[in-house]
Amino acid sequence: MRTILLLLASNVFMTIAWYGHLKYKQAPLFLVIVASWLIAFLEYCFQVPANRIGHGEFSAAQLKTIQEVITLLVFSVFSVVYLRESLRWNHAVGFLLIVAAVLFIFKR
């Protein structure tokens, strides 16, 4: 459970670092890059321990798959709540296909 919570926290910071600036297009690009980089540092402070703690319980491929599904969930909420963009049916289908891939990754 610690691994999942750490991955969730890391993805919140990474989503903010990658997409948070989209509401501030008037800000100088250099400042946006620096701010995003500083936020991404916080992401690493959660991501690296998550992988270190989780590896052994999960394989590297499983950790990456978990991280990608969490990324989609965090991004979906961020996109709707912060960016005020709607998710369409084709987005949902695409995300579900990615989640379906989890079944294959975790299959023994």
PDB file of N, CA and C in Angstrom:
ATOM      1  N   MET A   1       0.822  -1.200   0.000  1.00  0.00           N
ATOM      2  CA  MET A   1       0.000   0.000   0.000  1.00  0.00           C
ATOM      3  C   MET A   1       0.866   1.264   0.000  1.00  0.00           C
ATOM      4  N   ARG A   2       2.016   1.206   0.692  1.00  0.00           N
ATOM      5  CA  ARG A   2       2.907   2.378   0.696  1.00  0.00           C
ATOM      6  C   ARG A   2       3.357   2.720  -0.716  1.00  0.00           C
ATOM      7  N   THR A   3       3.648   1.697  -1.484  1.00  0.00           N
ATOM      8  CA  THR A   3       4.089   1.919  -2.860  1.00  0.00           C
ATOM      9  C   THR A   3       3.029   2.664  -3.655  1.00  0.00           C
ATOM     10  N   ILE A   4       1.792   2.224  -3.542  1.00  0.00           N
ATOM     11  CA  ILE A   4       0.696   2.847  -4.287  1.00  0.00           C
ATOM     12  C   ILE A   4       0.511   4.300  -3.849  1.00  0.00           C
ATOM     13  N   LEU A   5       0.548   4.561  -2.551  1.00  0.00           N
ATOM     14  CA  LEU A   5       0.383   5.931  -2.052  1.00  0.00           C
ATOM     15  C   LEU A   5       1.529   6.832  -2.503  1.00  0.00           C
ATOM     16  N   LEU A   6       2.750   6.308  -2.477  1.00  0.00           N
ATOM     17  CA  LEU A   6       3.892   7.096  -2.949  1.00  0.00           C
ATOM     18  C   LEU A   6       3.785   7.377  -4.445  1.00  0.00           C
ATOM     19  N   LEU A   7       3.343   6.381  -5.214  1.00  0.00           N
ATOM     20  CA  LEU A   7       3.153   6.592  -6.652  1.00  0.00           C
ATOM     21  C   LEU A   7       2.052   7.604  -6.915  1.00  0.00           C
ATOM     22  N   LEU A   8       1.010   7.563  -6.128  1.00  0.00           N
ATOM     23  CA  LEU A   8      -0.071   8.535  -6.268  1.00  0.00           C
ATOM     24  C   LEU A   8       0.443   9.951  -5.999  1.00  0.00           C
ATOM     25  N   ALA A   9       1.186  10.126  -4.918  1.00  0.00           N
ATOM     26  CA  ALA A   9       1.749  11.442  -4.597  1.00  0.00           C
ATOM     27  C   ALA A   9       2.696  11.914  -5.695  1.00  0.00           C
ATOM     28  N   SER A  10       3.544  11.022  -6.176  1.00  0.00           N
ATOM     29  CA  SER A  10       4.496  11.422  -7.219  1.00  0.00           C
ATOM     30  C   SER A  10       3.769  11.863  -8.481  1.00  0.00           C
ATOM     31  N   ASN A  11       2.689  11.173  -8.818  1.00  0.00           N
ATOM     32  CA  ASN A  11       1.947  11.526 -10.033  1.00  0.00           C
ATOM     33  C   ASN A  11       1.200  12.840  -9.906  1.00  0.00           C
ATOM     34  N   VAL A  12       0.759  13.176  -8.720  1.00  0.00           N
ATOM     35  CA  VAL A  12       0.124  14.483  -8.525  1.00  0.00           C
ATOM     36  C   VAL A  12       1.140  15.579  -8.836  1.00  0.00           C
ATOM     37  N   PHE A  13       2.346  15.462  -8.281  1.00  0.00           N
ATOM     38  CA  PHE A  13       3.375  16.474  -8.540  1.00  0.00           C
ATOM     39  C   PHE A  13       3.788  16.497 -10.010  1.00  0.00           C
ATOM     40  N   MET A  14       3.919  15.328 -10.633  1.00  0.00           N
ATOM     41  CA  MET A  14       4.358  15.302 -12.025  1.00  0.00           C
ATOM     42  C   MET A  14       3.299  15.889 -12.951  1.00  0.00           C
ATOM     43  N   THR A  15       2.043  15.610 -12.668  1.00  0.00           N
ATOM     44  CA  THR A  15       0.966  16.171 -13.485  1.00  0.00           C
ATOM     45  C   THR A  15       0.953  17.689 -13.373  1.00  0.00           C
ATOM     46  N   ILE A  16       1.151  18.197 -12.168  1.00  0.00           N
ATOM     47  CA  ILE A  16       1.219  19.648 -11.979  1.00  0.00           C
ATOM     48  C   ILE A  16       2.425  20.215 -12.712  1.00  0.00           C
ATOM     49  N   ALA A  17       3.564  19.534 -12.629  1.00  0.00           N
ATOM     50  CA  ALA A  17       4.780  20.017 -13.299  1.00  0.00           C
ATOM     51  C   ALA A  17       4.605  20.044 -14.816  1.00  0.00           C
ATOM     52  N   TRP A  18       3.979  19.025 -15.372  1.00  0.00           N
ATOM     53  CA  TRP A  18       3.858  18.923 -16.824  1.00  0.00           C
ATOM     54  C   TRP A  18       2.729  19.756 -17.402  1.00  0.00           C
ATOM     55  N   TYR A  19       1.619  19.879 -16.665  1.00  0.00           N
ATOM     56  CA  TYR A  19       0.433  20.491 -17.252  1.00  0.00           C
ATOM     57  C   TYR A  19      -0.091  21.717 -16.506  1.00  0.00           C
ATOM     58  N   GLY A  20       0.378  21.974 -15.302  1.00  0.00           N
ATOM     59  CA  GLY A  20      -0.120  23.079 -14.511  1.00  0.00           C
ATOM     60  C   GLY A  20       0.085  24.440 -15.146  1.00  0.00           C
ATOM     61  N   HIS A  21       1.139  24.575 -15.916  1.00  0.00           N
ATOM     62  CA  HIS A  21       1.477  25.859 -16.541  1.00  0.00           C
ATOM     63  C   HIS A  21       0.574  26.212 -17.718  1.00  0.00           C
ATOM     64  N   LEU A  22      -0.237  25.281 -18.164  1.00  0.00           N
ATOM     65  CA  LEU A  22      -1.053  25.540 -19.350  1.00  0.00           C
ATOM     66  C   LEU A  22      -2.068  26.660 -19.135  1.00  0.00           C
ATOM     67  N   LYS A  23      -2.384  26.953 -17.886  1.00  0.00           N
ATOM     68  CA  LYS A  23      -3.289  28.072 -17.599  1.00  0.00           C
ATOM     69  C   LYS A  23      -2.531  29.402 -17.560  1.00  0.00           C
ATOM     70  N   TYR A  24      -1.225  29.355 -17.662  1.00  0.00           N
ATOM     71  CA  TYR A  24      -0.401  30.569 -17.550  1.00  0.00           C
ATOM     72  C   TYR A  24       0.476  30.727 -18.792  1.00  0.00           C
ATOM     73  N   LYS A  25      -0.141  30.741 -19.938  1.00  0.00           N
ATOM     74  CA  LYS A  25       0.605  30.813 -21.195  1.00  0.00           C
ATOM     75  C   LYS A  25       1.324  32.143 -21.381  1.00  0.00           C
ATOM     76  N   GLN A  26       0.923  33.156 -20.612  1.00  0.00           N
ATOM     77  CA  GLN A  26       1.594  34.453 -20.707  1.00  0.00           C
ATOM     78  C   GLN A  26       2.911  34.459 -19.928  1.00  0.00           C
ATOM     79  N   ALA A  27       3.126  33.491 -19.048  1.00  0.00           N
ATOM     80  CA  ALA A  27       4.364  33.430 -18.260  1.00  0.00           C
ATOM     81  C   ALA A  27       5.539  33.101 -19.176  1.00  0.00           C
ATOM     82  N   PRO A  28       6.695  33.690 -18.914  1.00  0.00           N
ATOM     83  CA  PRO A  28       7.882  33.389 -19.735  1.00  0.00           C
ATOM     84  C   PRO A  28       8.227  31.902 -19.685  1.00  0.00           C
ATOM     85  N   LEU A  29       8.544  31.338 -20.825  1.00  0.00           N
ATOM     86  CA  LEU A  29       8.819  29.911 -20.929  1.00  0.00           C
ATOM     87  C   LEU A  29       9.946  29.483 -19.993  1.00  0.00           C
ATOM     88  N   PHE A  30      10.986  30.291 -19.892  1.00  0.00           N
ATOM     89  CA  PHE A  30      12.112  29.933 -19.013  1.00  0.00           C
ATOM     90  C   PHE A  30      11.638  29.758 -17.572  1.00  0.00           C
ATOM     91  N   LEU A  31      10.796  30.668 -17.088  1.00  0.00           N
ATOM     92  CA  LEU A  31      10.293  30.559 -15.716  1.00  0.00           C
ATOM     93  C   LEU A  31       9.395  29.336 -15.543  1.00  0.00           C
ATOM     94  N   VAL A  32       8.616  29.036 -16.551  1.00  0.00           N
ATOM     95  CA  VAL A  32       7.758  27.852 -16.504  1.00  0.00           C
ATOM     96  C   VAL A  32       8.613  26.587 -16.425  1.00  0.00           C
ATOM     97  N   ILE A  33       9.672  26.555 -17.206  1.00  0.00           N
ATOM     98  CA  ILE A  33      10.563  25.388 -17.187  1.00  0.00           C
ATOM     99  C   ILE A  33      11.198  25.229 -15.807  1.00  0.00           C
ATOM    100  N   VAL A  34      11.693  26.304 -15.234  1.00  0.00           N
ATOM    101  CA  VAL A  34      12.330  26.243 -13.915  1.00  0.00           C
ATOM    102  C   VAL A  34      11.314  25.816 -12.849  1.00  0.00           C
ATOM    103  N   ALA A  35      10.146  26.411 -12.871  1.00  0.00           N
ATOM    104  CA  ALA A  35       9.109  26.053 -11.894  1.00  0.00           C
ATOM    105  C   ALA A  35       8.708  24.583 -12.045  1.00  0.00           C
ATOM    106  N   SER A  36       8.536  24.140 -13.277  1.00  0.00           N
ATOM    107  CA  SER A  36       8.172  22.744 -13.521  1.00  0.00           C
ATOM    108  C   SER A  36       9.267  21.803 -13.046  1.00  0.00           C
ATOM    109  N   TRP A  37      10.483  22.194 -13.254  1.00  0.00           N
ATOM    110  CA  TRP A  37      11.622  21.373 -12.833  1.00  0.00           C
ATOM    111  C   TRP A  37      11.658  21.246 -11.309  1.00  0.00           C
ATOM    112  N   LEU A  38      11.385  22.335 -10.610  1.00  0.00           N
ATOM    113  CA  LEU A  38      11.364  22.299  -9.142  1.00  0.00           C
ATOM    114  C   LEU A  38      10.217  21.418  -8.629  1.00  0.00           C
ATOM    115  N   ILE A  39       9.079  21.502  -9.282  1.00  0.00           N
ATOM    116  CA  ILE A  39       7.946  20.650  -8.899  1.00  0.00           C
ATOM    117  C   ILE A  39       8.277  19.185  -9.200  1.00  0.00           C
ATOM    118  N   ALA A  40       8.928  18.946 -10.329  1.00  0.00           N
ATOM    119  CA  ALA A  40       9.297  17.576 -10.704  1.00  0.00           C
ATOM    120  C   ALA A  40      10.288  16.980  -9.705  1.00  0.00           C
ATOM    121  N   PHE A  41      11.115  17.814  -9.083  1.00  0.00           N
ATOM    122  CA  PHE A  41      12.021  17.314  -8.045  1.00  0.00           C
ATOM    123  C   PHE A  41      11.218  16.667  -6.917  1.00  0.00           C
ATOM    124  N   LEU A  42      10.107  17.296  -6.545  1.00  0.00           N
ATOM    125  CA  LEU A  42       9.248  16.720  -5.506  1.00  0.00           C
ATOM    126  C   LEU A  42       8.673  15.383  -5.970  1.00  0.00           C
ATOM    127  N   GLU A  43       8.363  15.305  -7.256  1.00  0.00           N
ATOM    128  CA  GLU A  43       7.865  14.036  -7.802  1.00  0.00           C
ATOM    129  C   GLU A  43       8.894  12.942  -7.605  1.00  0.00           C
ATOM    130  N   TYR A  44      10.153  13.237  -7.868  1.00  0.00           N
ATOM    131  CA  TYR A  44      11.215  12.250  -7.703  1.00  0.00           C
ATOM    132  C   TYR A  44      11.363  11.829  -6.247  1.00  0.00           C
ATOM    133  N   CYS A  45      11.087  12.736  -5.327  1.00  0.00           N
ATOM    134  CA  CYS A  45      11.190  12.424  -3.895  1.00  0.00           C
ATOM    135  C   CYS A  45      10.158  11.374  -3.472  1.00  0.00           C
ATOM    136  N   PHE A  46       9.118  11.192  -4.258  1.00  0.00           N
ATOM    137  CA  PHE A  46       8.128  10.146  -3.999  1.00  0.00           C
ATOM    138  C   PHE A  46       8.311   8.942  -4.925  1.00  0.00           C
ATOM    139  N   GLN A  47       8.654   9.209  -6.180  1.00  0.00           N
ATOM    140  CA  GLN A  47       8.759   8.136  -7.180  1.00  0.00           C
ATOM    141  C   GLN A  47       9.899   7.168  -6.870  1.00  0.00           C
ATOM    142  N   VAL A  48      11.057   7.694  -6.550  1.00  0.00           N
ATOM    143  CA  VAL A  48      12.215   6.827  -6.308  1.00  0.00           C
ATOM    144  C   VAL A  48      11.978   5.915  -5.098  1.00  0.00           C
ATOM    145  N   PRO A  49      11.513   6.447  -3.962  1.00  0.00           N
ATOM    146  CA  PRO A  49      11.215   5.537  -2.851  1.00  0.00           C
ATOM    147  C   PRO A  49      10.104   4.534  -3.180  1.00  0.00           C
ATOM    148  N   ALA A  50       9.107   4.963  -3.950  1.00  0.00           N
ATOM    149  CA  ALA A  50       8.021   4.046  -4.330  1.00  0.00           C
ATOM    150  C   ALA A  50       8.582   2.847  -5.090  1.00  0.00           C
ATOM    151  N   ASN A  51       9.459   3.117  -6.040  1.00  0.00           N
ATOM    152  CA  ASN A  51      10.054   2.027  -6.818  1.00  0.00           C
ATOM    153  C   ASN A  51      10.981   1.169  -5.964  1.00  0.00           C
ATOM    154  N   ARG A  52      11.736   1.799  -5.097  1.00  0.00           N
ATOM    155  CA  ARG A  52      12.660   1.051  -4.241  1.00  0.00           C
ATOM    156  C   ARG A  52      11.888   0.150  -3.281  1.00  0.00           C
ATOM    157  N   ILE A  53      10.844   0.700  -2.655  1.00  0.00           N
ATOM    158  CA  ILE A  53      10.037  -0.075  -1.701  1.00  0.00           C
ATOM    159  C   ILE A  53       9.230  -1.153  -2.428  1.00  0.00           C
ATOM    160  N   GLY A  54       8.686  -0.795  -3.576  1.00  0.00           N
ATOM    161  CA  GLY A  54       7.798  -1.703  -4.298  1.00  0.00           C
ATOM    162  C   GLY A  54       8.489  -2.823  -5.043  1.00  0.00           C
ATOM    163  N   HIS A  55       9.749  -2.613  -5.419  1.00  0.00           N
ATOM    164  CA  HIS A  55      10.449  -3.632  -6.191  1.00  0.00           C
ATOM    165  C   HIS A  55      10.756  -4.821  -5.288  1.00  0.00           C
ATOM    166  N   GLY A  56      10.326  -5.964  -5.704  1.00  0.00           N
ATOM    167  CA  GLY A  56      10.405  -7.165  -4.884  1.00  0.00           C
ATOM    168  C   GLY A  56       8.999  -7.676  -4.648  1.00  0.00           C
ATOM    169  N   GLU A  57       8.124  -6.771  -4.215  1.00  0.00           N
ATOM    170  CA  GLU A  57       6.707  -7.113  -4.146  1.00  0.00           C
ATOM    171  C   GLU A  57       6.130  -7.116  -5.560  1.00  0.00           C
ATOM    172  N   PHE A  58       6.601  -6.172  -6.366  1.00  0.00           N
ATOM    173  CA  PHE A  58       6.203  -6.063  -7.764  1.00  0.00           C
ATOM    174  C   PHE A  58       7.451  -6.119  -8.632  1.00  0.00           C
ATOM    175  N   SER A  59       7.295  -6.601  -9.851  1.00  0.00           N
ATOM    176  CA  SER A  59       8.403  -6.530 -10.818  1.00  0.00           C
ATOM    177  C   SER A  59       8.489  -5.100 -11.334  1.00  0.00           C
ATOM    178  N   ALA A  60       9.575  -4.779 -12.016  1.00  0.00           N
ATOM    179  CA  ALA A  60       9.722  -3.437 -12.591  1.00  0.00           C
ATOM    180  C   ALA A  60       8.605  -3.156 -13.595  1.00  0.00           C
ATOM    181  N   ALA A  61       8.247  -4.152 -14.396  1.00  0.00           N
ATOM    182  CA  ALA A  61       7.166  -3.976 -15.376  1.00  0.00           C
ATOM    183  C   ALA A  61       5.833  -3.725 -14.667  1.00  0.00           C
ATOM    184  N   GLN A  62       5.595  -4.413 -13.575  1.00  0.00           N
ATOM    185  CA  GLN A  62       4.368  -4.196 -12.826  1.00  0.00           C
ATOM    186  C   GLN A  62       4.355  -2.808 -12.188  1.00  0.00           C
ATOM    187  N   LEU A  63       5.488  -2.374 -11.635  1.00  0.00           N
ATOM    188  CA  LEU A  63       5.568  -1.027 -11.053  1.00  0.00           C
ATOM    189  C   LEU A  63       5.261   0.031 -12.106  1.00  0.00           C
ATOM    190  N   LYS A  64       5.834  -0.130 -13.294  1.00  0.00           N
ATOM    191  CA  LYS A  64       5.608   0.834 -14.366  1.00  0.00           C
ATOM    192  C   LYS A  64       4.137   0.841 -14.786  1.00  0.00           C
ATOM    193  N   THR A  65       3.535  -0.327 -14.841  1.00  0.00           N
ATOM    194  CA  THR A  65       2.134  -0.425 -15.224  1.00  0.00           C
ATOM    195  C   THR A  65       1.233   0.243 -14.185  1.00  0.00           C
ATOM    196  N   ILE A  66       1.501  -0.014 -12.916  1.00  0.00           N
ATOM    197  CA  ILE A  66       0.746   0.631 -11.841  1.00  0.00           C
ATOM    198  C   ILE A  66       0.881   2.145 -11.958  1.00  0.00           C
ATOM    199  N   GLN A  67       2.112   2.598 -12.191  1.00  0.00           N
ATOM    200  CA  GLN A  67       2.373   4.031 -12.305  1.00  0.00           C
ATOM    201  C   GLN A  67       1.596   4.632 -13.462  1.00  0.00           C
ATOM    202  N   GLU A  68       1.514   3.948 -14.582  1.00  0.00           N
ATOM    203  CA  GLU A  68       0.800   4.475 -15.746  1.00  0.00           C
ATOM    204  C   GLU A  68      -0.701   4.569 -15.501  1.00  0.00           C
ATOM    205  N   VAL A  69      -1.265   3.582 -14.821  1.00  0.00           N
ATOM    206  CA  VAL A  69      -2.695   3.629 -14.519  1.00  0.00           C
ATOM    207  C   VAL A  69      -2.985   4.768 -13.548  1.00  0.00           C
ATOM    208  N   ILE A  70      -2.128   4.925 -12.538  1.00  0.00           N
ATOM    209  CA  ILE A  70      -2.295   6.035 -11.595  1.00  0.00           C
ATOM    210  C   ILE A  70      -2.162   7.360 -12.333  1.00  0.00           C
ATOM    211  N   THR A  71      -1.222   7.442 -13.262  1.00  0.00           N
ATOM    212  CA  THR A  71      -1.050   8.654 -14.061  1.00  0.00           C
ATOM    213  C   THR A  71      -2.325   9.008 -14.808  1.00  0.00           C
ATOM    214  N   LEU A  72      -2.957   8.019 -15.416  1.00  0.00           N
ATOM    215  CA  LEU A  72      -4.199   8.274 -16.149  1.00  0.00           C
ATOM    216  C   LEU A  72      -5.298   8.764 -15.218  1.00  0.00           C
ATOM    217  N   LEU A  73      -5.395   8.165 -14.049  1.00  0.00           N
ATOM    218  CA  LEU A  73      -6.423   8.590 -13.086  1.00  0.00           C
ATOM    219  C   LEU A  73      -6.174  10.017 -12.611  1.00  0.00           C
ATOM    220  N   VAL A  74      -4.936  10.299 -12.218  1.00  0.00           N
ATOM    221  CA  VAL A  74      -4.592  11.641 -11.734  1.00  0.00           C
ATOM    222  C   VAL A  74      -4.788  12.665 -12.846  1.00  0.00           C
ATOM    223  N   PHE A  75      -4.307  12.343 -14.046  1.00  0.00           N
ATOM    224  CA  PHE A  75      -4.447  13.267 -15.163  1.00  0.00           C
ATOM    225  C   PHE A  75      -5.911  13.532 -15.493  1.00  0.00           C
ATOM    226  N   SER A  76      -6.740  12.492 -15.459  1.00  0.00           N
ATOM    227  CA  SER A  76      -8.157  12.665 -15.774  1.00  0.00           C
ATOM    228  C   SER A  76      -8.812  13.645 -14.810  1.00  0.00           C
ATOM    229  N   VAL A  77      -8.559  13.474 -13.533  1.00  0.00           N
ATOM    230  CA  VAL A  77      -9.128  14.384 -12.532  1.00  0.00           C
ATOM    231  C   VAL A  77      -8.572  15.794 -12.731  1.00  0.00           C
ATOM    232  N   PHE A  78      -7.266  15.913 -12.922  1.00  0.00           N
ATOM    233  CA  PHE A  78      -6.611  17.203 -13.124  1.00  0.00           C
ATOM    234  C   PHE A  78      -7.174  17.919 -14.347  1.00  0.00           C
ATOM    235  N   SER A  79      -7.326  17.176 -15.426  1.00  0.00           N
ATOM    236  CA  SER A  79      -7.814  17.746 -16.681  1.00  0.00           C
ATOM    237  C   SER A  79      -9.218  18.314 -16.526  1.00  0.00           C
ATOM    238  N   VAL A  80     -10.074  17.593 -15.829  1.00  0.00           N
ATOM    239  CA  VAL A  80     -11.458  18.033 -15.655  1.00  0.00           C
ATOM    240  C   VAL A  80     -11.554  19.157 -14.624  1.00  0.00           C
ATOM    241  N   VAL A  81     -10.888  18.992 -13.483  1.00  0.00           N
ATOM    242  CA  VAL A  81     -11.033  19.944 -12.375  1.00  0.00           C
ATOM    243  C   VAL A  81     -10.221  21.215 -12.608  1.00  0.00           C
ATOM    244  N   TYR A  82      -8.951  21.067 -12.966  1.00  0.00           N
ATOM    245  CA  TYR A  82      -8.069  22.234 -13.065  1.00  0.00           C
ATOM    246  C   TYR A  82      -8.119  22.895 -14.441  1.00  0.00           C
ATOM    247  N   LEU A  83      -8.008  22.090 -15.486  1.00  0.00           N
ATOM    248  CA  LEU A  83      -7.982  22.652 -16.840  1.00  0.00           C
ATOM    249  C   LEU A  83      -9.381  22.869 -17.413  1.00  0.00           C
ATOM    250  N   ARG A  84     -10.383  22.338 -16.745  1.00  0.00           N
ATOM    251  CA  ARG A  84     -11.773  22.476 -17.178  1.00  0.00           C
ATOM    252  C   ARG A  84     -12.001  21.898 -18.584  1.00  0.00           C
ATOM    253  N   GLU A  85     -11.300  20.810 -18.862  1.00  0.00           N
ATOM    254  CA  GLU A  85     -11.488  20.109 -20.133  1.00  0.00           C
ATOM    255  C   GLU A  85     -12.360  18.887 -19.879  1.00  0.00           C
ATOM    256  N   SER A  86     -13.173  18.563 -20.839  1.00  0.00           N
ATOM    257  CA  SER A  86     -14.039  17.395 -20.662  1.00  0.00           C
ATOM    258  C   SER A  86     -13.354  16.157 -21.232  1.00  0.00           C
ATOM    259  N   LEU A  87     -13.659  15.045 -20.611  1.00  0.00           N
ATOM    260  CA  LEU A  87     -13.196  13.765 -21.137  1.00  0.00           C
ATOM    261  C   LEU A  87     -14.309  13.211 -22.015  1.00  0.00           C
ATOM    262  N   ARG A  88     -13.945  12.784 -23.195  1.00  0.00           N
ATOM    263  CA  ARG A  88     -14.931  12.265 -24.134  1.00  0.00           C
ATOM    264  C   ARG A  88     -14.928  10.743 -24.092  1.00  0.00           C
ATOM    265  N   TRP A  89     -15.887  10.164 -24.773  1.00  0.00           N
ATOM    266  CA  TRP A  89     -16.026   8.705 -24.754  1.00  0.00           C
ATOM    267  C   TRP A  89     -14.775   8.018 -25.295  1.00  0.00           C
ATOM    268  N   ASN A  90     -14.145   8.603 -26.318  1.00  0.00           N
ATOM    269  CA  ASN A  90     -12.969   7.955 -26.899  1.00  0.00           C
ATOM    270  C   ASN A  90     -11.783   7.990 -25.936  1.00  0.00           C
ATOM    271  N   HIS A  91     -11.713   9.026 -25.090  1.00  0.00           N
ATOM    272  CA  HIS A  91     -10.678   9.053 -24.057  1.00  0.00           C
ATOM    273  C   HIS A  91     -10.911   7.900 -23.080  1.00  0.00           C
ATOM    274  N   ALA A  92     -12.159   7.745 -22.657  1.00  0.00           N
ATOM    275  CA  ALA A  92     -12.501   6.682 -21.707  1.00  0.00           C
ATOM    276  C   ALA A  92     -12.187   5.303 -22.284  1.00  0.00           C
ATOM    277  N   VAL A  93     -12.514   5.088 -23.547  1.00  0.00           N
ATOM    278  CA  VAL A  93     -12.231   3.799 -24.179  1.00  0.00           C
ATOM    279  C   VAL A  93     -10.721   3.565 -24.245  1.00  0.00           C
ATOM    280  N   GLY A  94      -9.979   4.572 -24.643  1.00  0.00           N
ATOM    281  CA  GLY A  94      -8.526   4.443 -24.704  1.00  0.00           C
ATOM    282  C   GLY A  94      -7.928   4.136 -23.346  1.00  0.00           C
ATOM    283  N   PHE A  95      -8.391   4.841 -22.317  1.00  0.00           N
ATOM    284  CA  PHE A  95      -7.895   4.590 -20.959  1.00  0.00           C
ATOM    285  C   PHE A  95      -8.254   3.178 -20.508  1.00  0.00           C
ATOM    286  N   LEU A  96      -9.463   2.731 -20.827  1.00  0.00           N
ATOM    287  CA  LEU A  96      -9.870   1.378 -20.451  1.00  0.00           C
ATOM    288  C   LEU A  96      -9.011   0.319 -21.138  1.00  0.00           C
ATOM    289  N   LEU A  97      -8.626   0.570 -22.374  1.00  0.00           N
ATOM    290  CA  LEU A  97      -7.746  -0.379 -23.069  1.00  0.00           C
ATOM    291  C   LEU A  97      -6.383  -0.446 -22.390  1.00  0.00           C
ATOM    292  N   ILE A  98      -5.902   0.680 -21.917  1.00  0.00           N
ATOM    293  CA  ILE A  98      -4.632   0.684 -21.186  1.00  0.00           C
ATOM    294  C   ILE A  98      -4.783  -0.079 -19.871  1.00  0.00           C
ATOM    295  N   VAL A  99      -5.890   0.144 -19.186  1.00  0.00           N
ATOM    296  CA  VAL A  99      -6.148  -0.583 -17.944  1.00  0.00           C
ATOM    297  C   VAL A  99      -6.269  -2.080 -18.229  1.00  0.00           C
ATOM    298  N   ALA A 100      -6.858  -2.443 -19.362  1.00  0.00           N
ATOM    299  CA  ALA A 100      -6.954  -3.861 -19.736  1.00  0.00           C
ATOM    300  C   ALA A 100      -5.567  -4.474 -19.887  1.00  0.00           C
ATOM    301  N   ALA A 101      -4.604  -3.671 -20.305  1.00  0.00           N
ATOM    302  CA  ALA A 101      -3.231  -4.171 -20.426  1.00  0.00           C
ATOM    303  C   ALA A 101      -2.685  -4.620 -19.079  1.00  0.00           C
ATOM    304  N   VAL A 102      -3.193  -4.035 -18.012  1.00  0.00           N
ATOM    305  CA  VAL A 102      -2.767  -4.425 -16.663  1.00  0.00           C
ATOM    306  C   VAL A 102      -3.030  -5.913 -16.442  1.00  0.00           C
ATOM    307  N   LEU A 103      -4.144  -6.399 -16.938  1.00  0.00           N
ATOM    308  CA  LEU A 103      -4.464  -7.819 -16.777  1.00  0.00           C
ATOM    309  C   LEU A 103      -3.364  -8.701 -17.367  1.00  0.00           C
ATOM    310  N   PHE A 104      -2.819  -8.297 -18.493  1.00  0.00           N
ATOM    311  CA  PHE A 104      -1.761  -9.085 -19.118  1.00  0.00           C
ATOM    312  C   PHE A 104      -0.440  -8.946 -18.374  1.00  0.00           C
ATOM    313  N   ILE A 105      -0.137  -7.755 -17.887  1.00  0.00           N
ATOM    314  CA  ILE A 105       1.114  -7.528 -17.165  1.00  0.00           C
ATOM    315  C   ILE A 105       1.143  -8.310 -15.864  1.00  0.00           C
ATOM    316  N   PHE A 106       0.001  -8.383 -15.183  1.00  0.00           N
ATOM    317  CA  PHE A 106      -0.056  -9.054 -13.882  1.00  0.00           C
ATOM    318  C   PHE A 106      -0.389 -10.548 -13.981  1.00  0.00           C
ATOM    319  N   LYS A 107      -0.653 -11.025 -15.194  1.00  0.00           N
ATOM    320  CA  LYS A 107      -0.949 -12.449 -15.374  1.00  0.00           C
ATOM    321  C   LYS A 107       0.310 -13.267 -15.154  1.00  0.00           C
ATOM    322  N   ARG A 108       0.175 -14.303 -14.404  1.00  0.00           N
ATOM    323  CA  ARG A 108       1.342 -15.168 -14.113  1.00  0.00           C
ATOM    324  C   ARG A 108       1.610 -16.113 -15.228  1.00  0.00           C
TER     325      ARG A 108
END
